[in-house]
Amino acid sequence: MKKALTIFIGLTVAGATLWAGLPGKPARSSYIGKRWMNFELNNGPSYKWEKLPDGGSIQYWRSDLARCCVGRYDGDGMGNLCALVVRLDKNKVIRQINVTEEGMACGTALR
């Protein structure tokens, strides 16, 4: 029992460190708990990703770079830029979204 508790505490601390390590500020979104594909279909693909040791990944998404895929973001991009860092679990389910650059496009992307 003591060993199981030690392992649980170790995993909890490791997980909290990983979550706290994402840049930007946490965002509230209806996409949290849903598959990454839902976000991509509505907002366009990420421009960069990193694989995590636990099988999950970190996706980097920007409204100006996804513009070619969605055509939703008008204007010169100034004040309308949204940059997100999205943590996915191994099943490609969104577990956390952090905003690193916040503009009007974030309201549309995070809805």
N, C-alpha and C. Protein backbone atom coordinates (compact mmCIF):
# COMPACT_ATOMS: atom_id res chain seq x y z
N MET A 1 0.82 -1.19 0.00
CA MET A 1 0.00 0.00 0.00
C MET A 1 0.87 1.25 0.00
N LYS A 2 1.91 1.22 0.82
CA LYS A 2 2.81 2.37 0.92
C LYS A 2 3.51 2.61 -0.42
N LYS A 3 3.91 1.53 -1.08
CA LYS A 3 4.59 1.64 -2.37
C LYS A 3 3.64 2.22 -3.43
N ALA A 4 2.38 1.76 -3.43
CA ALA A 4 1.39 2.28 -4.39
C ALA A 4 1.15 3.77 -4.17
N LEU A 5 1.08 4.18 -2.90
CA LEU A 5 0.88 5.59 -2.58
C LEU A 5 2.07 6.42 -3.04
N THR A 6 3.27 5.91 -2.85
CA THR A 6 4.48 6.61 -3.29
C THR A 6 4.49 6.78 -4.80
N ILE A 7 4.11 5.72 -5.52
CA ILE A 7 4.06 5.79 -6.99
C ILE A 7 3.01 6.80 -7.42
N PHE A 8 1.82 6.78 -6.80
CA PHE A 8 0.76 7.72 -7.13
C PHE A 8 1.21 9.16 -6.91
N ILE A 9 1.85 9.42 -5.78
CA ILE A 9 2.32 10.78 -5.48
C ILE A 9 3.38 11.19 -6.50
N GLY A 10 4.27 10.27 -6.85
CA GLY A 10 5.30 10.57 -7.85
C GLY A 10 4.70 10.91 -9.20
N LEU A 11 3.71 10.14 -9.64
CA LEU A 11 3.06 10.41 -10.92
C LEU A 11 2.29 11.73 -10.87
N THR A 12 1.64 12.01 -9.75
CA THR A 12 0.89 13.27 -9.61
C THR A 12 1.83 14.46 -9.68
N VAL A 13 2.96 14.39 -9.00
CA VAL A 13 3.94 15.48 -9.03
C VAL A 13 4.51 15.63 -10.43
N ALA A 14 4.83 14.53 -11.10
CA ALA A 14 5.36 14.60 -12.46
C ALA A 14 4.33 15.21 -13.40
N GLY A 15 3.08 14.80 -13.27
CA GLY A 15 2.01 15.35 -14.10
C GLY A 15 1.80 16.83 -13.86
N ALA A 16 1.82 17.24 -12.60
CA ALA A 16 1.65 18.66 -12.28
C ALA A 16 2.80 19.49 -12.84
N THR A 17 4.00 18.95 -12.80
CA THR A 17 5.15 19.66 -13.36
C THR A 17 4.99 19.83 -14.86
N LEU A 18 4.53 18.78 -15.54
CA LEU A 18 4.33 18.85 -16.99
C LEU A 18 3.27 19.89 -17.32
N TRP A 19 2.14 19.86 -16.59
CA TRP A 19 1.05 20.80 -16.86
C TRP A 19 1.51 22.22 -16.61
N ALA A 20 2.24 22.42 -15.53
CA ALA A 20 2.69 23.76 -15.17
C ALA A 20 3.77 24.26 -16.13
N GLY A 21 4.41 23.33 -16.85
CA GLY A 21 5.50 23.70 -17.74
C GLY A 21 5.08 24.29 -19.08
N LEU A 22 3.78 24.26 -19.41
CA LEU A 22 3.34 24.83 -20.68
C LEU A 22 3.40 26.34 -20.63
N PRO A 23 3.86 26.97 -21.71
CA PRO A 23 3.91 28.44 -21.73
C PRO A 23 2.50 29.03 -21.85
N GLY A 24 2.36 30.30 -21.50
CA GLY A 24 1.09 31.01 -21.65
C GLY A 24 0.18 30.82 -20.45
N LYS A 25 -1.05 31.32 -20.61
CA LYS A 25 -2.01 31.19 -19.51
C LYS A 25 -3.12 30.21 -19.90
N PRO A 26 -3.59 29.43 -18.93
CA PRO A 26 -4.63 28.43 -19.22
C PRO A 26 -5.90 29.08 -19.79
N ALA A 27 -6.51 28.41 -20.73
CA ALA A 27 -7.73 28.90 -21.37
C ALA A 27 -8.88 27.97 -21.07
N ARG A 28 -10.08 28.54 -21.05
CA ARG A 28 -11.29 27.73 -20.96
C ARG A 28 -11.82 27.56 -22.37
N SER A 29 -12.21 26.34 -22.69
CA SER A 29 -12.67 26.06 -24.04
C SER A 29 -13.57 24.83 -24.04
N SER A 30 -14.52 24.82 -24.96
CA SER A 30 -15.38 23.63 -25.10
C SER A 30 -14.62 22.47 -25.74
N TYR A 31 -13.42 22.72 -26.26
CA TYR A 31 -12.64 21.65 -26.88
C TYR A 31 -11.93 20.77 -25.86
N ILE A 32 -11.77 21.23 -24.64
CA ILE A 32 -11.08 20.42 -23.64
C ILE A 32 -11.92 19.17 -23.37
N GLY A 33 -11.26 18.02 -23.47
CA GLY A 33 -11.95 16.74 -23.31
C GLY A 33 -12.43 16.15 -24.63
N LYS A 34 -12.23 16.89 -25.72
CA LYS A 34 -12.62 16.40 -27.05
C LYS A 34 -11.38 16.08 -27.87
N ARG A 35 -11.59 15.35 -28.95
CA ARG A 35 -10.47 14.94 -29.79
C ARG A 35 -9.88 16.13 -30.56
N TRP A 36 -8.58 16.08 -30.79
CA TRP A 36 -7.86 17.14 -31.50
C TRP A 36 -8.43 17.35 -32.90
N MET A 37 -8.90 16.28 -33.52
CA MET A 37 -9.44 16.37 -34.87
C MET A 37 -10.60 17.38 -34.93
N ASN A 38 -11.41 17.45 -33.90
CA ASN A 38 -12.51 18.42 -33.87
C ASN A 38 -11.99 19.85 -33.96
N PHE A 39 -10.94 20.14 -33.21
CA PHE A 39 -10.34 21.47 -33.25
C PHE A 39 -9.77 21.76 -34.64
N GLU A 40 -9.03 20.80 -35.20
CA GLU A 40 -8.42 20.99 -36.51
C GLU A 40 -9.45 21.20 -37.62
N LEU A 41 -10.53 20.46 -37.57
CA LEU A 41 -11.56 20.62 -38.60
C LEU A 41 -12.16 22.02 -38.59
N ASN A 42 -12.31 22.60 -37.41
CA ASN A 42 -12.91 23.93 -37.29
C ASN A 42 -11.92 25.07 -37.42
N ASN A 43 -10.66 24.84 -37.09
CA ASN A 43 -9.69 25.94 -37.00
C ASN A 43 -8.43 25.77 -37.83
N GLY A 44 -8.23 24.63 -38.42
CA GLY A 44 -7.02 24.41 -39.20
C GLY A 44 -5.97 23.67 -38.39
N PRO A 45 -4.93 23.18 -39.06
CA PRO A 45 -3.92 22.34 -38.41
C PRO A 45 -2.92 23.14 -37.58
N SER A 46 -2.22 22.43 -36.73
CA SER A 46 -1.13 23.05 -35.97
C SER A 46 0.05 23.23 -36.92
N TYR A 47 0.97 24.11 -36.54
CA TYR A 47 2.15 24.34 -37.39
C TYR A 47 3.36 23.60 -36.86
N LYS A 48 3.26 23.07 -35.63
CA LYS A 48 4.39 22.38 -35.03
C LYS A 48 3.85 21.47 -33.93
N TRP A 49 4.52 20.36 -33.68
CA TRP A 49 4.13 19.50 -32.58
C TRP A 49 5.34 18.81 -32.00
N GLU A 50 5.20 18.37 -30.74
CA GLU A 50 6.25 17.64 -30.04
C GLU A 50 5.64 16.41 -29.39
N LYS A 51 6.30 15.29 -29.53
CA LYS A 51 5.86 14.04 -28.89
C LYS A 51 6.32 14.04 -27.44
N LEU A 52 5.47 13.59 -26.53
CA LEU A 52 5.79 13.51 -25.11
C LEU A 52 6.12 12.07 -24.73
N PRO A 53 6.92 11.87 -23.66
CA PRO A 53 7.29 10.51 -23.24
C PRO A 53 6.09 9.63 -22.88
N ASP A 54 4.98 10.24 -22.43
CA ASP A 54 3.81 9.44 -22.03
C ASP A 54 2.93 9.04 -23.22
N GLY A 55 3.36 9.39 -24.45
CA GLY A 55 2.61 9.05 -25.64
C GLY A 55 1.72 10.18 -26.14
N GLY A 56 1.55 11.21 -25.32
CA GLY A 56 0.77 12.39 -25.72
C GLY A 56 1.61 13.30 -26.60
N SER A 57 1.10 14.51 -26.83
CA SER A 57 1.85 15.47 -27.63
C SER A 57 1.46 16.89 -27.25
N ILE A 58 2.30 17.82 -27.66
CA ILE A 58 2.03 19.24 -27.52
C ILE A 58 1.87 19.78 -28.94
N GLN A 59 0.75 20.43 -29.21
CA GLN A 59 0.47 21.03 -30.52
C GLN A 59 0.60 22.54 -30.40
N TYR A 60 1.22 23.17 -31.38
CA TYR A 60 1.35 24.63 -31.43
C TYR A 60 0.50 25.12 -32.59
N TRP A 61 -0.42 26.01 -32.30
CA TRP A 61 -1.37 26.49 -33.31
C TRP A 61 -1.39 28.01 -33.31
N ARG A 62 -1.43 28.61 -34.51
CA ARG A 62 -1.55 30.07 -34.65
C ARG A 62 -2.58 30.38 -35.72
N SER A 63 -3.41 31.37 -35.43
CA SER A 63 -4.50 31.72 -36.35
C SER A 63 -3.99 32.21 -37.70
N ASP A 64 -2.88 32.95 -37.70
CA ASP A 64 -2.39 33.47 -38.97
C ASP A 64 -1.81 32.37 -39.86
N LEU A 65 -1.25 31.33 -39.27
CA LEU A 65 -0.69 30.24 -40.07
C LEU A 65 -1.78 29.25 -40.52
N ALA A 66 -2.87 29.16 -39.78
CA ALA A 66 -3.98 28.29 -40.16
C ALA A 66 -4.92 28.97 -41.16
N ARG A 67 -4.70 30.25 -41.40
CA ARG A 67 -5.57 31.06 -42.26
C ARG A 67 -5.78 30.42 -43.64
N CYS A 68 -4.75 29.86 -44.18
CA CYS A 68 -4.86 29.26 -45.51
C CYS A 68 -5.83 28.09 -45.52
N CYS A 69 -6.00 27.47 -44.38
CA CYS A 69 -6.83 26.27 -44.29
C CYS A 69 -8.28 26.57 -43.94
N VAL A 70 -8.54 27.69 -43.28
CA VAL A 70 -9.89 27.98 -42.84
C VAL A 70 -10.47 29.22 -43.47
N GLY A 71 -9.65 30.23 -43.73
CA GLY A 71 -10.15 31.46 -44.31
C GLY A 71 -11.07 32.23 -43.38
N ARG A 72 -10.95 32.03 -42.10
CA ARG A 72 -11.85 32.63 -41.14
C ARG A 72 -11.31 33.94 -40.57
N TYR A 73 -10.03 34.14 -40.57
CA TYR A 73 -9.42 35.27 -39.89
C TYR A 73 -9.06 36.37 -40.89
N ASP A 74 -9.81 37.45 -40.88
CA ASP A 74 -9.60 38.56 -41.80
C ASP A 74 -8.73 39.63 -41.17
N GLY A 75 -8.29 40.56 -41.99
CA GLY A 75 -7.50 41.67 -41.50
C GLY A 75 -6.02 41.40 -41.65
N ASP A 76 -5.24 42.31 -41.11
CA ASP A 76 -3.79 42.21 -41.25
C ASP A 76 -3.15 41.33 -40.20
N GLY A 77 -3.94 40.78 -39.31
CA GLY A 77 -3.41 39.91 -38.28
C GLY A 77 -3.04 40.64 -37.00
N MET A 78 -2.88 41.94 -37.06
CA MET A 78 -2.53 42.70 -35.87
C MET A 78 -3.76 42.81 -34.98
N GLY A 79 -3.65 42.36 -33.76
CA GLY A 79 -4.76 42.38 -32.83
C GLY A 79 -5.75 41.25 -33.07
N ASN A 80 -5.55 40.52 -34.14
CA ASN A 80 -6.44 39.41 -34.45
C ASN A 80 -5.69 38.08 -34.36
N LEU A 81 -4.47 38.11 -33.87
CA LEU A 81 -3.66 36.91 -33.79
C LEU A 81 -4.00 36.12 -32.53
N CYS A 82 -4.06 34.83 -32.67
CA CYS A 82 -4.25 33.93 -31.53
C CYS A 82 -3.21 32.82 -31.65
N ALA A 83 -2.46 32.61 -30.59
CA ALA A 83 -1.47 31.53 -30.57
C ALA A 83 -1.77 30.65 -29.35
N LEU A 84 -1.85 29.34 -29.60
CA LEU A 84 -2.21 28.38 -28.57
C LEU A 84 -1.18 27.27 -28.46
N VAL A 85 -1.02 26.76 -27.25
CA VAL A 85 -0.26 25.55 -26.99
C VAL A 85 -1.26 24.56 -26.41
N VAL A 86 -1.40 23.42 -27.07
CA VAL A 86 -2.44 22.46 -26.72
C VAL A 86 -1.79 21.14 -26.33
N ARG A 87 -2.14 20.64 -25.14
CA ARG A 87 -1.61 19.35 -24.69
C ARG A 87 -2.65 18.27 -24.95
N LEU A 88 -2.20 17.22 -25.65
CA LEU A 88 -3.06 16.08 -25.96
C LEU A 88 -2.58 14.85 -25.20
N ASP A 89 -3.50 13.97 -24.83
CA ASP A 89 -3.08 12.70 -24.25
C ASP A 89 -2.75 11.72 -25.38
N LYS A 90 -2.42 10.50 -25.03
CA LYS A 90 -2.01 9.52 -26.06
C LYS A 90 -3.12 9.17 -27.02
N ASN A 91 -4.37 9.45 -26.67
CA ASN A 91 -5.51 9.17 -27.55
C ASN A 91 -5.93 10.39 -28.37
N LYS A 92 -5.09 11.43 -28.36
CA LYS A 92 -5.33 12.67 -29.11
C LYS A 92 -6.54 13.45 -28.57
N VAL A 93 -6.80 13.31 -27.27
CA VAL A 93 -7.84 14.08 -26.61
C VAL A 93 -7.20 15.30 -25.96
N ILE A 94 -7.81 16.47 -26.14
CA ILE A 94 -7.27 17.72 -25.61
C ILE A 94 -7.42 17.73 -24.09
N ARG A 95 -6.32 17.91 -23.39
CA ARG A 95 -6.32 17.95 -21.94
C ARG A 95 -6.09 19.35 -21.39
N GLN A 96 -5.39 20.19 -22.14
CA GLN A 96 -5.12 21.56 -21.68
C GLN A 96 -4.85 22.45 -22.88
N ILE A 97 -5.32 23.69 -22.79
CA ILE A 97 -5.04 24.69 -23.82
C ILE A 97 -4.52 25.93 -23.10
N ASN A 98 -3.36 26.41 -23.54
CA ASN A 98 -2.80 27.65 -23.02
C ASN A 98 -2.72 28.67 -24.15
N VAL A 99 -3.02 29.92 -23.84
CA VAL A 99 -2.93 31.01 -24.81
C VAL A 99 -1.59 31.70 -24.63
N THR A 100 -0.80 31.79 -25.72
CA THR A 100 0.48 32.49 -25.65
C THR A 100 0.42 33.86 -26.31
N GLU A 101 -0.50 34.07 -27.25
CA GLU A 101 -0.77 35.39 -27.83
C GLU A 101 -2.27 35.51 -27.99
N GLU A 102 -2.85 36.52 -27.35
CA GLU A 102 -4.31 36.61 -27.32
C GLU A 102 -4.81 37.78 -28.14
N GLY A 103 -5.64 37.47 -29.11
CA GLY A 103 -6.30 38.47 -29.94
C GLY A 103 -7.74 38.08 -30.17
N MET A 104 -8.42 38.80 -31.02
CA MET A 104 -9.84 38.52 -31.25
C MET A 104 -10.07 37.12 -31.81
N ALA A 105 -9.12 36.60 -32.54
CA ALA A 105 -9.28 35.26 -33.12
C ALA A 105 -9.39 34.17 -32.06
N CYS A 106 -8.89 34.43 -30.86
CA CYS A 106 -8.97 33.43 -29.79
C CYS A 106 -10.42 33.14 -29.41
N GLY A 107 -11.26 34.16 -29.45
CA GLY A 107 -12.66 33.95 -29.13
C GLY A 107 -13.32 32.96 -30.07
N THR A 108 -12.97 33.05 -31.34
CA THR A 108 -13.52 32.13 -32.33
C THR A 108 -12.89 30.74 -32.21
N ALA A 109 -11.58 30.70 -32.01
CA ALA A 109 -10.88 29.41 -31.97
C ALA A 109 -11.22 28.60 -30.73
N LEU A 110 -11.43 29.25 -29.59
CA LEU A 110 -11.63 28.54 -28.34
C LEU A 110 -13.08 28.25 -27.99
N ARG A 111 -14.00 28.89 -28.66
CA ARG A 111 -15.43 28.82 -28.31
C ARG A 111 -15.86 27.65 -27.51
